[in-house]
């Protein structure tokens, strides 16, 4: 429903002016945090404030949208942008991306720490979860966010006709991790810093653990993307110039510090165009 409302609001607003950019945001803490004691202190919340401070001559507006709606708007209307998104050949057909990306720990299988023994039978010789073996299990229920782009090995598990256990589909991360906390699912697919955030949020009540998955990249790269049309391309050109300044790049990466291990933070900071 929120995605429909967002779309109608954009359509009623009319064409995007040359000096206006719409930043499409999604409910995926700690990227954006809409409520609680860290409200407005999400990684992308802070990065968006940096952008607006660097380019005050542009009118910046935000619009909450689902992941699928974000890409629909970027494809069909100029001046639409999203921060920290994944770059794929399909998306390159209609979106322009920044040169510089942020490398962060990739998707993992996130569980309640107390349940580690349940997943030992599915670890391979490298200590990674083998999803092909896990899909034969009848009891362990998984969860994922609808419309999210997961690594191929995870998508294969979610879509497998041979999978014996059920999966739960959630509309956002908040609900997904609540399913894990309430023991309605036994594991979820999520990024490493999402595990860190919800581990902090649940505190001692439900400690979480992230298990590496066989065949899933250990590192993923997040870009900023805009409509591959005049306004969007102009915004990307500004961002490329901004992110080439190492002082500003440090400011861009700084919001990640709270949620990454020091080594992973240093990797993100050292990323080159």
Protein backbone atom coordinates (compact mmCIF):
# COMPACT_ATOMS: atom_id res chain seq x y z
CA UNK A 1 0.00 0.00 0.00
CA UNK A 2 2.81 2.46 0.89
CA UNK A 3 4.42 1.78 -2.51
CA UNK A 4 1.15 2.62 -4.27
CA UNK A 5 0.75 5.82 -2.26
CA UNK A 6 4.34 6.78 -3.06
CA UNK A 7 3.77 6.21 -6.76
CA UNK A 8 0.57 8.28 -6.77
CA UNK A 9 2.30 11.09 -4.89
CA UNK A 10 5.09 11.19 -7.46
CA UNK A 11 2.64 11.16 -10.35
CA UNK A 12 0.55 13.97 -8.83
CA UNK A 13 3.70 16.01 -8.28
CA UNK A 14 4.17 16.23 -12.02
CA UNK A 15 7.44 16.27 -13.97
CA UNK A 16 10.65 16.56 -12.01
CA UNK A 17 12.35 19.93 -12.41
CA UNK A 18 15.95 20.08 -13.55
CA UNK A 19 16.98 21.23 -10.06
CA UNK A 20 14.98 18.58 -8.18
CA UNK A 21 16.02 15.04 -7.25
CA UNK A 22 13.85 12.48 -5.48
CA UNK A 23 15.64 10.04 -3.16
CA UNK A 24 13.72 6.80 -2.87
CA UNK A 25 14.15 5.25 0.57
CA UNK A 26 13.23 1.81 1.87
CA UNK A 27 12.60 0.22 5.26
CA UNK A 28 15.87 -1.68 5.66
CA UNK A 29 17.59 -0.73 8.95
CA UNK A 30 20.35 0.12 9.61
CA UNK A 31 20.41 1.66 6.13
CA UNK A 32 17.45 3.89 6.91
CA UNK A 33 16.13 4.04 10.48
CA UNK A 34 12.70 5.62 10.77
CA UNK A 35 11.93 5.16 14.47
CA UNK A 36 13.40 4.50 17.89
CA UNK A 37 16.42 6.02 19.60
CA UNK A 38 18.47 5.89 16.39
CA UNK A 39 15.77 7.47 14.22
CA UNK A 40 17.40 9.40 11.39
CA UNK A 41 20.82 7.91 12.13
CA UNK A 42 20.75 5.13 9.56
CA UNK A 43 23.71 4.75 7.21
CA UNK A 44 21.85 6.16 4.24
CA UNK A 45 20.02 8.77 6.35
CA UNK A 46 23.40 10.29 7.15
CA UNK A 47 24.72 9.89 3.61
CA UNK A 48 21.66 11.65 2.24
CA UNK A 49 22.23 14.58 4.61
CA UNK A 50 25.80 14.78 3.33
CA UNK A 51 24.52 14.96 -0.25
CA UNK A 52 22.01 17.70 0.51
CA UNK A 53 24.69 19.70 2.35
CA UNK A 54 27.09 19.39 -0.59
CA UNK A 55 24.49 20.38 -3.19
CA UNK A 56 22.18 22.99 -1.61
CA UNK A 57 21.36 24.40 -5.04
CA UNK A 58 19.31 21.26 -5.76
CA UNK A 59 15.87 20.65 -4.29
CA UNK A 60 16.07 17.24 -2.62
CA UNK A 61 12.95 15.34 -1.65
CA UNK A 62 12.52 11.85 -0.21
CA UNK A 63 9.93 9.22 -0.99
CA UNK A 64 9.43 5.92 0.84
CA UNK A 65 9.17 3.04 -1.64
CA UNK A 66 9.52 -0.72 -1.78
CA UNK A 67 12.56 -2.14 -3.54
CA UNK A 68 10.58 -3.00 -6.66
CA UNK A 69 8.98 0.47 -6.69
CA UNK A 70 12.41 2.10 -6.37
CA UNK A 71 13.62 0.45 -9.56
CA UNK A 72 10.32 1.06 -11.35
CA UNK A 73 10.58 4.80 -10.67
CA UNK A 74 14.25 4.96 -11.65
CA UNK A 75 13.40 3.24 -14.92
CA UNK A 76 10.35 5.31 -15.78
CA UNK A 77 10.95 8.83 -14.47
CA UNK A 78 13.92 11.19 -14.53
CA UNK A 79 15.41 12.58 -11.33
CA UNK A 80 14.87 9.40 -9.28
CA UNK A 81 17.79 8.10 -7.19
CA UNK A 82 18.64 5.45 -4.62
CA UNK A 83 21.64 5.07 -2.31
CA UNK A 84 23.54 1.85 -1.60
CA UNK A 85 22.02 -0.31 -4.32
CA UNK A 86 23.41 -3.31 -6.17
CA UNK A 87 24.54 -2.99 -9.77
CA UNK A 88 23.44 -5.64 -12.27
CA UNK A 89 23.50 -5.86 -16.09
CA UNK A 90 19.70 -5.59 -16.15
CA UNK A 91 19.70 -2.42 -14.04
CA UNK A 92 22.47 -0.90 -16.16
CA UNK A 93 20.00 -0.78 -19.06
CA UNK A 94 18.05 2.04 -17.44
CA UNK A 95 20.07 3.37 -14.48
CA UNK A 96 23.28 5.37 -14.14
CA UNK A 97 25.63 4.38 -11.31
CA UNK A 98 28.38 6.13 -9.41
CA UNK A 99 31.94 5.07 -10.22
CA UNK A 100 32.83 4.49 -6.59
CA UNK A 101 31.10 1.78 -4.59
CA UNK A 102 31.09 0.80 -0.92
CA UNK A 103 32.22 -2.80 -0.26
CA UNK A 104 30.54 -4.36 2.79
CA UNK A 105 30.23 -7.93 4.15
CA UNK A 106 27.79 -9.86 2.02
CA UNK A 107 24.61 -11.77 2.67
CA UNK A 108 24.64 -14.40 5.38
CA UNK A 109 22.31 -16.89 6.95
CA UNK A 110 21.32 -15.16 10.19
CA UNK A 111 20.13 -17.24 13.12
CA UNK A 112 19.48 -17.01 16.84
CA UNK A 113 22.84 -17.70 18.43
CA UNK A 114 21.35 -20.36 20.70
CA UNK A 115 20.40 -22.40 17.61
CA UNK A 116 23.92 -22.85 16.25
CA UNK A 117 23.90 -26.64 16.93
CA UNK A 118 20.88 -27.03 14.61
CA UNK A 119 22.93 -25.81 11.64
CA UNK A 120 26.13 -27.79 12.22
CA UNK A 121 24.97 -30.69 9.98
CA UNK A 122 24.75 -28.27 7.04
CA UNK A 123 28.26 -26.80 7.31
CA UNK A 124 30.76 -27.77 4.62
CA UNK A 125 34.48 -28.31 5.13
CA UNK A 126 35.04 -24.54 5.02
CA UNK A 127 32.49 -23.79 7.72
CA UNK A 128 29.92 -22.41 5.28
CA UNK A 129 26.25 -23.35 5.11
CA UNK A 130 25.47 -25.59 2.13
CA UNK A 131 21.98 -24.53 1.05
CA UNK A 132 21.63 -27.56 -1.21
CA UNK A 133 21.90 -29.75 1.87
CA UNK A 134 19.72 -27.44 3.96
CA UNK A 135 16.85 -27.57 1.51
CA UNK A 136 16.39 -31.27 2.30
CA UNK A 137 15.60 -30.44 5.92
CA UNK A 138 11.89 -30.46 6.74
CA UNK A 139 11.92 -28.49 9.99
CA UNK A 140 14.09 -25.36 9.68
CA UNK A 141 11.98 -22.51 8.37
CA UNK A 142 13.65 -19.63 6.53
CA UNK A 143 12.62 -16.04 5.89
CA UNK A 144 13.38 -13.38 3.28
CA UNK A 145 12.21 -9.96 2.06
CA UNK A 146 10.01 -9.89 -1.02
CA UNK A 147 11.54 -8.22 -4.11
CA UNK A 148 15.02 -8.10 -2.61
CA UNK A 149 17.97 -9.08 -4.77
CA UNK A 150 19.81 -11.93 -3.03
CA UNK A 151 22.85 -13.83 -4.34
CA UNK A 152 21.96 -16.57 -6.87
CA UNK A 153 22.57 -19.40 -4.39
CA UNK A 154 20.04 -17.88 -1.97
CA UNK A 155 17.52 -17.14 -4.72
CA UNK A 156 17.84 -20.76 -5.84
CA UNK A 157 16.98 -21.91 -2.31
CA UNK A 158 14.00 -19.55 -2.04
CA UNK A 159 12.62 -20.56 -5.44
CA UNK A 160 13.48 -24.27 -5.32
CA UNK A 161 10.66 -26.69 -6.02
CA UNK A 162 12.67 -29.35 -4.17
CA UNK A 163 12.93 -27.44 -0.91
CA UNK A 164 11.23 -29.45 1.83
CA UNK A 165 10.85 -26.82 4.54
CA UNK A 166 8.63 -23.77 4.11
CA UNK A 167 9.79 -20.18 3.88
CA UNK A 168 8.16 -16.98 5.09
CA UNK A 169 8.08 -13.89 2.88
CA UNK A 170 8.19 -10.48 4.57
CA UNK A 171 7.52 -7.03 3.16
CA UNK A 172 10.48 -5.49 5.02
CA UNK A 173 13.43 -6.26 7.28
CA UNK A 174 11.74 -5.06 10.45
CA UNK A 175 9.04 -7.70 10.17
CA UNK A 176 11.51 -10.30 8.95
CA UNK A 177 13.74 -10.04 12.00
CA UNK A 178 10.73 -9.97 14.30
CA UNK A 179 9.79 -13.34 12.83
CA UNK A 180 13.25 -14.58 13.77
CA UNK A 181 13.04 -13.13 17.26
CA UNK A 182 9.60 -14.64 17.89
CA UNK A 183 10.81 -18.05 16.60
CA UNK A 184 8.34 -18.13 13.72
CA UNK A 185 11.35 -18.69 11.46
CA UNK A 186 14.70 -20.30 12.27
CA UNK A 187 16.88 -18.26 9.94
CA UNK A 188 16.73 -15.29 7.61
CA UNK A 189 18.87 -14.06 4.74
CA UNK A 190 20.45 -10.69 5.43
CA UNK A 191 23.55 -8.54 5.16
CA UNK A 192 26.23 -8.68 7.82
CA UNK A 193 25.53 -5.19 9.17
CA UNK A 194 21.82 -5.98 9.39
CA UNK A 195 22.71 -8.81 11.76
CA UNK A 196 24.80 -6.35 13.78
CA UNK A 197 21.93 -3.84 13.94
CA UNK A 198 19.24 -6.29 15.01
CA UNK A 199 21.65 -7.97 17.41
CA UNK A 200 22.02 -4.53 19.03
CA UNK A 201 18.29 -3.87 18.95
CA UNK A 202 17.33 -7.20 20.50
CA UNK A 203 20.20 -6.88 23.00
CA UNK A 204 20.60 -9.81 25.39
CA UNK A 205 17.09 -11.16 24.79
CA UNK A 206 17.89 -12.67 21.39
CA UNK A 207 21.60 -12.71 20.46
CA UNK A 208 22.09 -13.28 16.73
CA UNK A 209 24.80 -14.95 14.67
CA UNK A 210 25.61 -14.70 10.97
CA UNK A 211 26.78 -17.83 9.15
CA UNK A 212 28.58 -17.60 5.79
CA UNK A 213 26.83 -19.33 2.90
CA UNK A 214 28.56 -21.51 0.34
CA UNK A 215 28.58 -19.81 -3.05
CA UNK A 216 27.53 -16.38 -1.73
CA UNK A 217 30.03 -13.51 -2.15
CA UNK A 218 31.76 -12.54 1.07
CA UNK A 219 31.72 -8.89 -0.08
CA UNK A 220 29.02 -6.95 -1.93
CA UNK A 221 29.26 -3.45 -3.41
CA UNK A 222 26.72 -0.71 -2.88
CA UNK A 223 26.44 2.11 -5.44
CA UNK A 224 24.26 5.17 -5.77
CA UNK A 225 22.01 4.94 -8.82
CA UNK A 226 19.81 7.47 -10.62
CA UNK A 227 17.60 7.52 -13.68
CA UNK A 228 19.70 7.24 -16.84
CA UNK A 229 18.19 10.46 -18.14
CA UNK A 230 19.46 14.07 -18.07
CA UNK A 231 18.63 14.97 -14.46
CA UNK A 232 19.73 11.58 -13.13
CA UNK A 233 22.99 11.57 -15.07
CA UNK A 234 23.76 15.10 -13.88
CA UNK A 235 23.26 13.99 -10.27
CA UNK A 236 25.57 11.02 -10.75
CA UNK A 237 28.23 13.29 -12.25
CA UNK A 238 28.01 15.51 -9.15
CA UNK A 239 28.31 12.49 -6.87
CA UNK A 240 31.32 11.17 -8.78
CA UNK A 241 33.05 14.50 -8.25
CA UNK A 242 32.04 14.59 -4.58
CA UNK A 243 33.24 11.06 -3.88
CA UNK A 244 36.61 11.71 -5.54
CA UNK A 245 37.43 14.02 -2.61
CA UNK A 246 38.99 11.76 0.02
CA UNK A 247 37.90 14.00 2.89
CA UNK A 248 34.28 13.76 1.80
CA UNK A 249 34.67 10.04 1.09
CA UNK A 250 35.63 9.53 4.73
CA UNK A 251 32.45 11.34 5.73
CA UNK A 252 30.49 9.11 3.34
CA UNK A 253 31.87 5.93 4.91
CA UNK A 254 31.79 7.08 8.54
CA UNK A 255 28.12 6.04 9.21
CA UNK A 256 29.16 2.43 8.62
CA UNK A 257 31.65 2.41 11.48
CA UNK A 258 29.08 1.48 14.14
CA UNK A 259 27.92 -1.63 12.30
CA UNK A 260 31.12 -3.06 10.82
CA UNK A 261 34.11 -4.81 12.32
CA UNK A 262 37.19 -2.54 12.19
CA UNK A 263 38.77 -4.55 9.36
CA UNK A 264 35.59 -4.38 7.28
CA UNK A 265 35.31 -0.65 7.91
CA UNK A 266 38.89 -0.15 6.75
CA UNK A 267 38.09 -2.12 3.58
CA UNK A 268 35.12 0.14 2.82
CA UNK A 269 37.18 3.25 3.51
CA UNK A 270 39.99 2.12 1.19
CA UNK A 271 37.67 1.39 -1.74
CA UNK A 272 38.86 2.97 -4.98
CA UNK A 273 36.78 4.15 -7.97
